[in-house]
Amino acid sequence: MSALSQSTPENLAWTDICAVDDILPSTGVCALVANRHVAVFRLGVDSFFAIDNIDPKSGASVLSRGLIGNIGERVVVASPLYKNHFDLRTGECLEMPEQSVQAHVVRVDGGRVSVAVV
């Protein structure tokens, strides 16, 4: 069982990131959450995802600047450096699963986006 399925919103440590409108649709932003660089993405009007922002291959904090798209049914971001694709729901790297990153929980409350590292 993953940490996401074991955690409930009540027992997570939430970090306020920004207002919903501060993230344009189909883009991402980077935030420091529990001493981790986290990329927060907005798809459409009300879908938000968060994964680690560090590109595992380069070690650079850049995933929030990647291009968002779909590969089949999977919503992904392409690293701006090596073009590897990361599933926004799971953090899995499609080309190199051993290079996967952690996915995190996002919530929107009162027009604010918050993230909890799990």
N, C-alpha and C. Protein backbone atom coordinates (compact mmCIF):
# COMPACT_ATOMS: atom_id res chain seq x y z
N MET A 1 0.85 -1.19 0.00
CA MET A 1 0.00 0.00 0.00
C MET A 1 0.89 1.25 0.00
N SER A 2 0.55 2.22 -0.83
CA SER A 2 1.37 3.42 -0.92
C SER A 2 1.09 4.37 0.23
N ALA A 3 2.00 5.31 0.42
CA ALA A 3 1.82 6.32 1.46
C ALA A 3 0.58 7.16 1.16
N LEU A 4 0.26 7.35 -0.13
CA LEU A 4 -0.92 8.14 -0.48
C LEU A 4 -2.19 7.46 0.02
N SER A 5 -2.26 6.13 -0.11
CA SER A 5 -3.48 5.46 0.31
C SER A 5 -3.56 5.30 1.82
N GLN A 6 -2.44 5.37 2.54
CA GLN A 6 -2.45 5.24 3.99
C GLN A 6 -2.74 6.57 4.69
N SER A 7 -2.53 7.68 4.00
CA SER A 7 -2.68 8.99 4.61
C SER A 7 -4.06 9.56 4.33
N THR A 8 -4.58 10.28 5.31
CA THR A 8 -5.83 10.99 5.12
C THR A 8 -5.53 12.48 5.22
N PRO A 9 -6.36 13.31 4.62
CA PRO A 9 -6.09 14.75 4.66
C PRO A 9 -5.93 15.30 6.08
N GLU A 10 -6.55 14.66 7.05
CA GLU A 10 -6.50 15.17 8.42
C GLU A 10 -5.13 14.98 9.06
N ASN A 11 -4.39 13.93 8.68
CA ASN A 11 -3.11 13.67 9.36
C ASN A 11 -1.89 14.06 8.52
N LEU A 12 -2.10 14.83 7.46
CA LEU A 12 -0.98 15.29 6.64
C LEU A 12 -0.56 16.69 7.05
N ALA A 13 0.72 16.99 6.84
CA ALA A 13 1.23 18.34 7.10
C ALA A 13 1.17 19.12 5.80
N TRP A 14 0.21 20.03 5.70
CA TRP A 14 -0.02 20.79 4.48
C TRP A 14 0.83 22.05 4.46
N THR A 15 1.35 22.37 3.27
CA THR A 15 2.09 23.61 3.04
C THR A 15 1.32 24.43 2.02
N ASP A 16 0.98 25.65 2.38
CA ASP A 16 0.30 26.56 1.47
C ASP A 16 1.29 26.98 0.38
N ILE A 17 0.88 26.85 -0.88
CA ILE A 17 1.77 27.17 -2.01
C ILE A 17 1.44 28.54 -2.60
N CYS A 18 0.19 28.72 -3.03
CA CYS A 18 -0.18 29.96 -3.70
C CYS A 18 -1.69 29.96 -3.95
N ALA A 19 -2.17 31.06 -4.49
CA ALA A 19 -3.57 31.14 -4.93
C ALA A 19 -3.73 30.31 -6.20
N VAL A 20 -4.91 29.74 -6.38
CA VAL A 20 -5.21 28.95 -7.57
C VAL A 20 -4.85 29.73 -8.83
N ASP A 21 -5.25 30.99 -8.90
CA ASP A 21 -5.04 31.79 -10.10
C ASP A 21 -3.57 32.16 -10.34
N ASP A 22 -2.68 31.86 -9.38
CA ASP A 22 -1.26 32.11 -9.59
C ASP A 22 -0.61 31.06 -10.49
N ILE A 23 -1.32 29.93 -10.71
CA ILE A 23 -0.81 28.89 -11.61
C ILE A 23 -1.70 28.89 -12.85
N LEU A 24 -1.15 29.27 -13.96
CA LEU A 24 -1.90 29.27 -15.20
C LEU A 24 -2.20 27.83 -15.63
N PRO A 25 -3.36 27.59 -16.26
CA PRO A 25 -3.64 26.24 -16.75
C PRO A 25 -2.54 25.73 -17.68
N SER A 26 -2.25 24.45 -17.57
CA SER A 26 -1.23 23.75 -18.37
C SER A 26 0.19 24.22 -18.09
N THR A 27 0.42 24.69 -16.85
CA THR A 27 1.78 25.08 -16.44
C THR A 27 2.06 24.52 -15.04
N GLY A 28 3.30 24.71 -14.61
CA GLY A 28 3.70 24.29 -13.28
C GLY A 28 4.49 25.36 -12.58
N VAL A 29 4.58 25.23 -11.25
CA VAL A 29 5.38 26.11 -10.43
C VAL A 29 6.20 25.23 -9.49
N CYS A 30 7.28 25.77 -8.98
CA CYS A 30 8.11 25.06 -8.01
C CYS A 30 7.91 25.67 -6.63
N ALA A 31 7.90 24.82 -5.62
CA ALA A 31 7.76 25.29 -4.24
C ALA A 31 8.63 24.41 -3.34
N LEU A 32 9.04 24.98 -2.22
CA LEU A 32 9.78 24.23 -1.21
C LEU A 32 8.78 23.72 -0.18
N VAL A 33 8.65 22.40 -0.09
CA VAL A 33 7.70 21.77 0.82
C VAL A 33 8.46 20.74 1.65
N ALA A 34 8.49 20.94 2.95
CA ALA A 34 9.20 20.02 3.86
C ALA A 34 10.63 19.78 3.37
N ASN A 35 11.31 20.86 3.00
CA ASN A 35 12.70 20.82 2.51
C ASN A 35 12.88 20.04 1.22
N ARG A 36 11.82 19.88 0.43
CA ARG A 36 11.89 19.22 -0.87
C ARG A 36 11.45 20.19 -1.95
N HIS A 37 12.10 20.14 -3.09
CA HIS A 37 11.66 20.91 -4.25
C HIS A 37 10.51 20.13 -4.88
N VAL A 38 9.33 20.76 -4.91
CA VAL A 38 8.12 20.11 -5.42
C VAL A 38 7.58 20.92 -6.59
N ALA A 39 7.22 20.22 -7.66
CA ALA A 39 6.59 20.84 -8.83
C ALA A 39 5.08 20.66 -8.70
N VAL A 40 4.35 21.77 -8.80
CA VAL A 40 2.88 21.74 -8.71
C VAL A 40 2.35 22.15 -10.07
N PHE A 41 1.50 21.30 -10.66
CA PHE A 41 0.97 21.52 -11.99
C PHE A 41 -0.53 21.73 -11.96
N ARG A 42 -1.00 22.59 -12.86
CA ARG A 42 -2.44 22.82 -13.02
C ARG A 42 -2.83 22.41 -14.43
N LEU A 43 -3.81 21.53 -14.51
CA LEU A 43 -4.35 21.12 -15.79
C LEU A 43 -5.80 21.56 -15.86
N GLY A 44 -6.15 22.30 -16.89
CA GLY A 44 -7.51 22.80 -17.00
C GLY A 44 -7.80 23.77 -15.87
N VAL A 45 -9.05 23.80 -15.46
CA VAL A 45 -9.49 24.76 -14.45
C VAL A 45 -9.22 24.26 -13.03
N ASP A 46 -9.46 22.98 -12.78
CA ASP A 46 -9.44 22.54 -11.38
C ASP A 46 -8.72 21.21 -11.12
N SER A 47 -7.79 20.82 -11.98
CA SER A 47 -7.00 19.61 -11.72
C SER A 47 -5.57 20.02 -11.37
N PHE A 48 -5.10 19.54 -10.23
CA PHE A 48 -3.76 19.88 -9.74
C PHE A 48 -3.02 18.60 -9.39
N PHE A 49 -1.71 18.60 -9.68
CA PHE A 49 -0.85 17.46 -9.40
C PHE A 49 0.46 17.99 -8.81
N ALA A 50 1.14 17.14 -8.04
CA ALA A 50 2.45 17.52 -7.50
C ALA A 50 3.37 16.32 -7.51
N ILE A 51 4.59 16.56 -7.99
CA ILE A 51 5.66 15.56 -7.98
C ILE A 51 6.94 16.26 -7.55
N ASP A 52 7.97 15.47 -7.22
CA ASP A 52 9.27 16.08 -6.94
C ASP A 52 9.71 16.89 -8.15
N ASN A 53 10.38 18.00 -7.92
CA ASN A 53 10.82 18.88 -9.00
C ASN A 53 12.21 18.53 -9.52
N ILE A 54 12.95 17.72 -8.80
CA ILE A 54 14.33 17.39 -9.18
C ILE A 54 14.33 16.33 -10.29
N ASP A 55 14.95 16.67 -11.41
CA ASP A 55 15.14 15.70 -12.50
C ASP A 55 16.19 14.70 -12.02
N PRO A 56 15.83 13.42 -11.87
CA PRO A 56 16.76 12.45 -11.30
C PRO A 56 18.02 12.23 -12.13
N LYS A 57 17.94 12.42 -13.43
CA LYS A 57 19.09 12.18 -14.29
C LYS A 57 20.13 13.30 -14.17
N SER A 58 19.67 14.55 -14.05
CA SER A 58 20.61 15.68 -13.99
C SER A 58 20.81 16.22 -12.59
N GLY A 59 19.84 16.00 -11.70
CA GLY A 59 19.90 16.58 -10.37
C GLY A 59 19.45 18.02 -10.31
N ALA A 60 18.98 18.56 -11.44
CA ALA A 60 18.52 19.95 -11.50
C ALA A 60 17.05 20.06 -11.12
N SER A 61 16.70 21.15 -10.48
CA SER A 61 15.31 21.41 -10.05
C SER A 61 14.55 22.08 -11.20
N VAL A 62 14.06 21.26 -12.16
CA VAL A 62 13.51 21.81 -13.40
C VAL A 62 12.19 21.22 -13.87
N LEU A 63 11.69 20.17 -13.25
CA LEU A 63 10.51 19.51 -13.80
C LEU A 63 9.30 20.43 -13.89
N SER A 64 9.19 21.43 -13.01
CA SER A 64 8.05 22.35 -13.06
C SER A 64 8.04 23.17 -14.35
N ARG A 65 9.17 23.22 -15.06
CA ARG A 65 9.27 23.97 -16.31
C ARG A 65 9.04 23.10 -17.54
N GLY A 66 8.75 21.82 -17.33
CA GLY A 66 8.56 20.90 -18.45
C GLY A 66 7.22 21.10 -19.15
N LEU A 67 7.10 20.47 -20.31
CA LEU A 67 5.87 20.52 -21.09
C LEU A 67 4.91 19.44 -20.62
N ILE A 68 3.66 19.82 -20.43
CA ILE A 68 2.62 18.91 -19.97
C ILE A 68 1.88 18.37 -21.18
N GLY A 69 1.57 17.08 -21.14
CA GLY A 69 0.83 16.47 -22.23
C GLY A 69 0.29 15.11 -21.81
N ASN A 70 -0.10 14.34 -22.80
CA ASN A 70 -0.62 13.00 -22.56
C ASN A 70 0.17 12.00 -23.39
N ILE A 71 0.39 10.84 -22.81
CA ILE A 71 0.88 9.68 -23.55
C ILE A 71 -0.15 8.60 -23.27
N GLY A 72 -0.99 8.34 -24.24
CA GLY A 72 -2.13 7.45 -24.03
C GLY A 72 -3.05 8.08 -23.00
N GLU A 73 -3.39 7.34 -21.98
CA GLU A 73 -4.27 7.82 -20.92
C GLU A 73 -3.51 8.53 -19.80
N ARG A 74 -2.19 8.55 -19.88
CA ARG A 74 -1.37 9.11 -18.81
C ARG A 74 -1.11 10.59 -19.03
N VAL A 75 -1.28 11.37 -17.97
CA VAL A 75 -0.94 12.79 -17.99
C VAL A 75 0.50 12.88 -17.52
N VAL A 76 1.35 13.52 -18.33
CA VAL A 76 2.78 13.52 -18.06
C VAL A 76 3.37 14.92 -18.20
N VAL A 77 4.56 15.07 -17.64
CA VAL A 77 5.40 16.24 -17.89
C VAL A 77 6.71 15.71 -18.47
N ALA A 78 7.19 16.40 -19.50
CA ALA A 78 8.48 16.05 -20.10
C ALA A 78 9.56 16.92 -19.48
N SER A 79 10.60 16.30 -18.98
CA SER A 79 11.71 17.05 -18.42
C SER A 79 12.29 17.98 -19.48
N PRO A 80 12.53 19.24 -19.13
CA PRO A 80 13.11 20.15 -20.12
C PRO A 80 14.56 19.83 -20.48
N LEU A 81 15.22 18.97 -19.71
CA LEU A 81 16.62 18.64 -20.00
C LEU A 81 16.77 17.39 -20.84
N TYR A 82 16.28 16.25 -20.36
CA TYR A 82 16.50 14.99 -21.06
C TYR A 82 15.24 14.45 -21.72
N LYS A 83 14.13 15.17 -21.60
CA LYS A 83 12.87 14.84 -22.26
C LYS A 83 12.21 13.56 -21.75
N ASN A 84 12.68 13.00 -20.63
CA ASN A 84 11.99 11.87 -20.04
C ASN A 84 10.61 12.32 -19.57
N HIS A 85 9.65 11.42 -19.63
CA HIS A 85 8.26 11.73 -19.27
C HIS A 85 7.95 11.16 -17.89
N PHE A 86 7.35 12.01 -17.04
CA PHE A 86 6.97 11.62 -15.68
C PHE A 86 5.46 11.69 -15.54
N ASP A 87 4.87 10.59 -15.10
CA ASP A 87 3.43 10.53 -14.87
C ASP A 87 3.09 11.45 -13.70
N LEU A 88 2.17 12.38 -13.92
CA LEU A 88 1.83 13.35 -12.86
C LEU A 88 1.02 12.73 -11.73
N ARG A 89 0.39 11.60 -11.96
CA ARG A 89 -0.37 10.95 -10.89
C ARG A 89 0.51 10.10 -9.97
N THR A 90 1.56 9.48 -10.57
CA THR A 90 2.35 8.51 -9.80
C THR A 90 3.82 8.90 -9.64
N GLY A 91 4.33 9.79 -10.50
CA GLY A 91 5.74 10.14 -10.49
C GLY A 91 6.60 9.19 -11.30
N GLU A 92 6.00 8.15 -11.88
CA GLU A 92 6.77 7.16 -12.63
C GLU A 92 7.40 7.78 -13.88
N CYS A 93 8.67 7.47 -14.09
CA CYS A 93 9.36 7.86 -15.32
C CYS A 93 9.08 6.77 -16.35
N LEU A 94 8.44 7.14 -17.46
CA LEU A 94 8.00 6.15 -18.43
C LEU A 94 9.17 5.50 -19.16
N GLU A 95 10.22 6.25 -19.46
CA GLU A 95 11.35 5.71 -20.19
C GLU A 95 12.31 4.93 -19.30
N MET A 96 12.46 5.36 -18.06
CA MET A 96 13.41 4.75 -17.14
C MET A 96 12.77 4.66 -15.75
N PRO A 97 11.97 3.63 -15.48
CA PRO A 97 11.26 3.54 -14.20
C PRO A 97 12.16 3.70 -12.97
N GLU A 98 13.42 3.34 -13.08
CA GLU A 98 14.34 3.51 -11.95
C GLU A 98 14.64 4.98 -11.67
N GLN A 99 14.26 5.87 -12.58
CA GLN A 99 14.44 7.32 -12.42
C GLN A 99 13.15 8.01 -11.97
N SER A 100 12.18 7.25 -11.49
CA SER A 100 10.89 7.82 -11.06
C SER A 100 11.06 8.77 -9.89
N VAL A 101 10.10 9.67 -9.74
CA VAL A 101 10.10 10.63 -8.64
C VAL A 101 8.87 10.39 -7.77
N GLN A 102 8.82 11.02 -6.62
CA GLN A 102 7.70 10.86 -5.69
C GLN A 102 6.54 11.77 -6.10
N ALA A 103 5.33 11.24 -6.04
CA ALA A 103 4.12 12.05 -6.23
C ALA A 103 3.63 12.49 -4.85
N HIS A 104 2.97 13.65 -4.80
CA HIS A 104 2.50 14.22 -3.55
C HIS A 104 1.02 14.59 -3.65
N VAL A 105 0.42 14.83 -2.50
CA VAL A 105 -1.00 15.14 -2.43
C VAL A 105 -1.20 16.65 -2.56
N VAL A 106 -2.21 17.02 -3.35
CA VAL A 106 -2.55 18.43 -3.54
C VAL A 106 -4.01 18.63 -3.13
N ARG A 107 -4.28 19.77 -2.52
CA ARG A 107 -5.67 20.12 -2.24
C ARG A 107 -5.87 21.61 -2.54
N VAL A 108 -7.11 21.94 -2.85
CA VAL A 108 -7.49 23.33 -3.06
C VAL A 108 -8.58 23.64 -2.04
N ASP A 109 -8.35 24.69 -1.28
CA ASP A 109 -9.30 25.08 -0.24
C ASP A 109 -9.32 26.60 -0.16
N GLY A 110 -10.49 27.18 -0.31
CA GLY A 110 -10.61 28.64 -0.21
C GLY A 110 -9.80 29.37 -1.27
N GLY A 111 -9.67 28.76 -2.46
CA GLY A 111 -8.92 29.40 -3.52
C GLY A 111 -7.42 29.31 -3.38
N ARG A 112 -6.94 28.50 -2.44
CA ARG A 112 -5.49 28.33 -2.20
C ARG A 112 -5.09 26.90 -2.52
N VAL A 113 -3.91 26.73 -3.08
CA VAL A 113 -3.34 25.42 -3.39
C VAL A 113 -2.37 25.05 -2.28
N SER A 114 -2.52 23.85 -1.74
CA SER A 114 -1.62 23.33 -0.71
C SER A 114 -1.11 21.96 -1.12
N VAL A 115 0.09 21.62 -0.63
CA VAL A 115 0.71 20.33 -0.95
C VAL A 115 1.16 19.68 0.36
N ALA A 116 1.01 18.35 0.41
CA ALA A 116 1.54 17.57 1.52
C ALA A 116 2.50 16.54 0.95
N VAL A 117 3.72 16.51 1.47
CA VAL A 117 4.71 15.54 1.07
C VAL A 117 4.40 14.24 1.80
N VAL A 118 4.34 13.15 1.06
CA VAL A 118 4.03 11.85 1.68
C VAL A 118 5.18 10.88 1.49
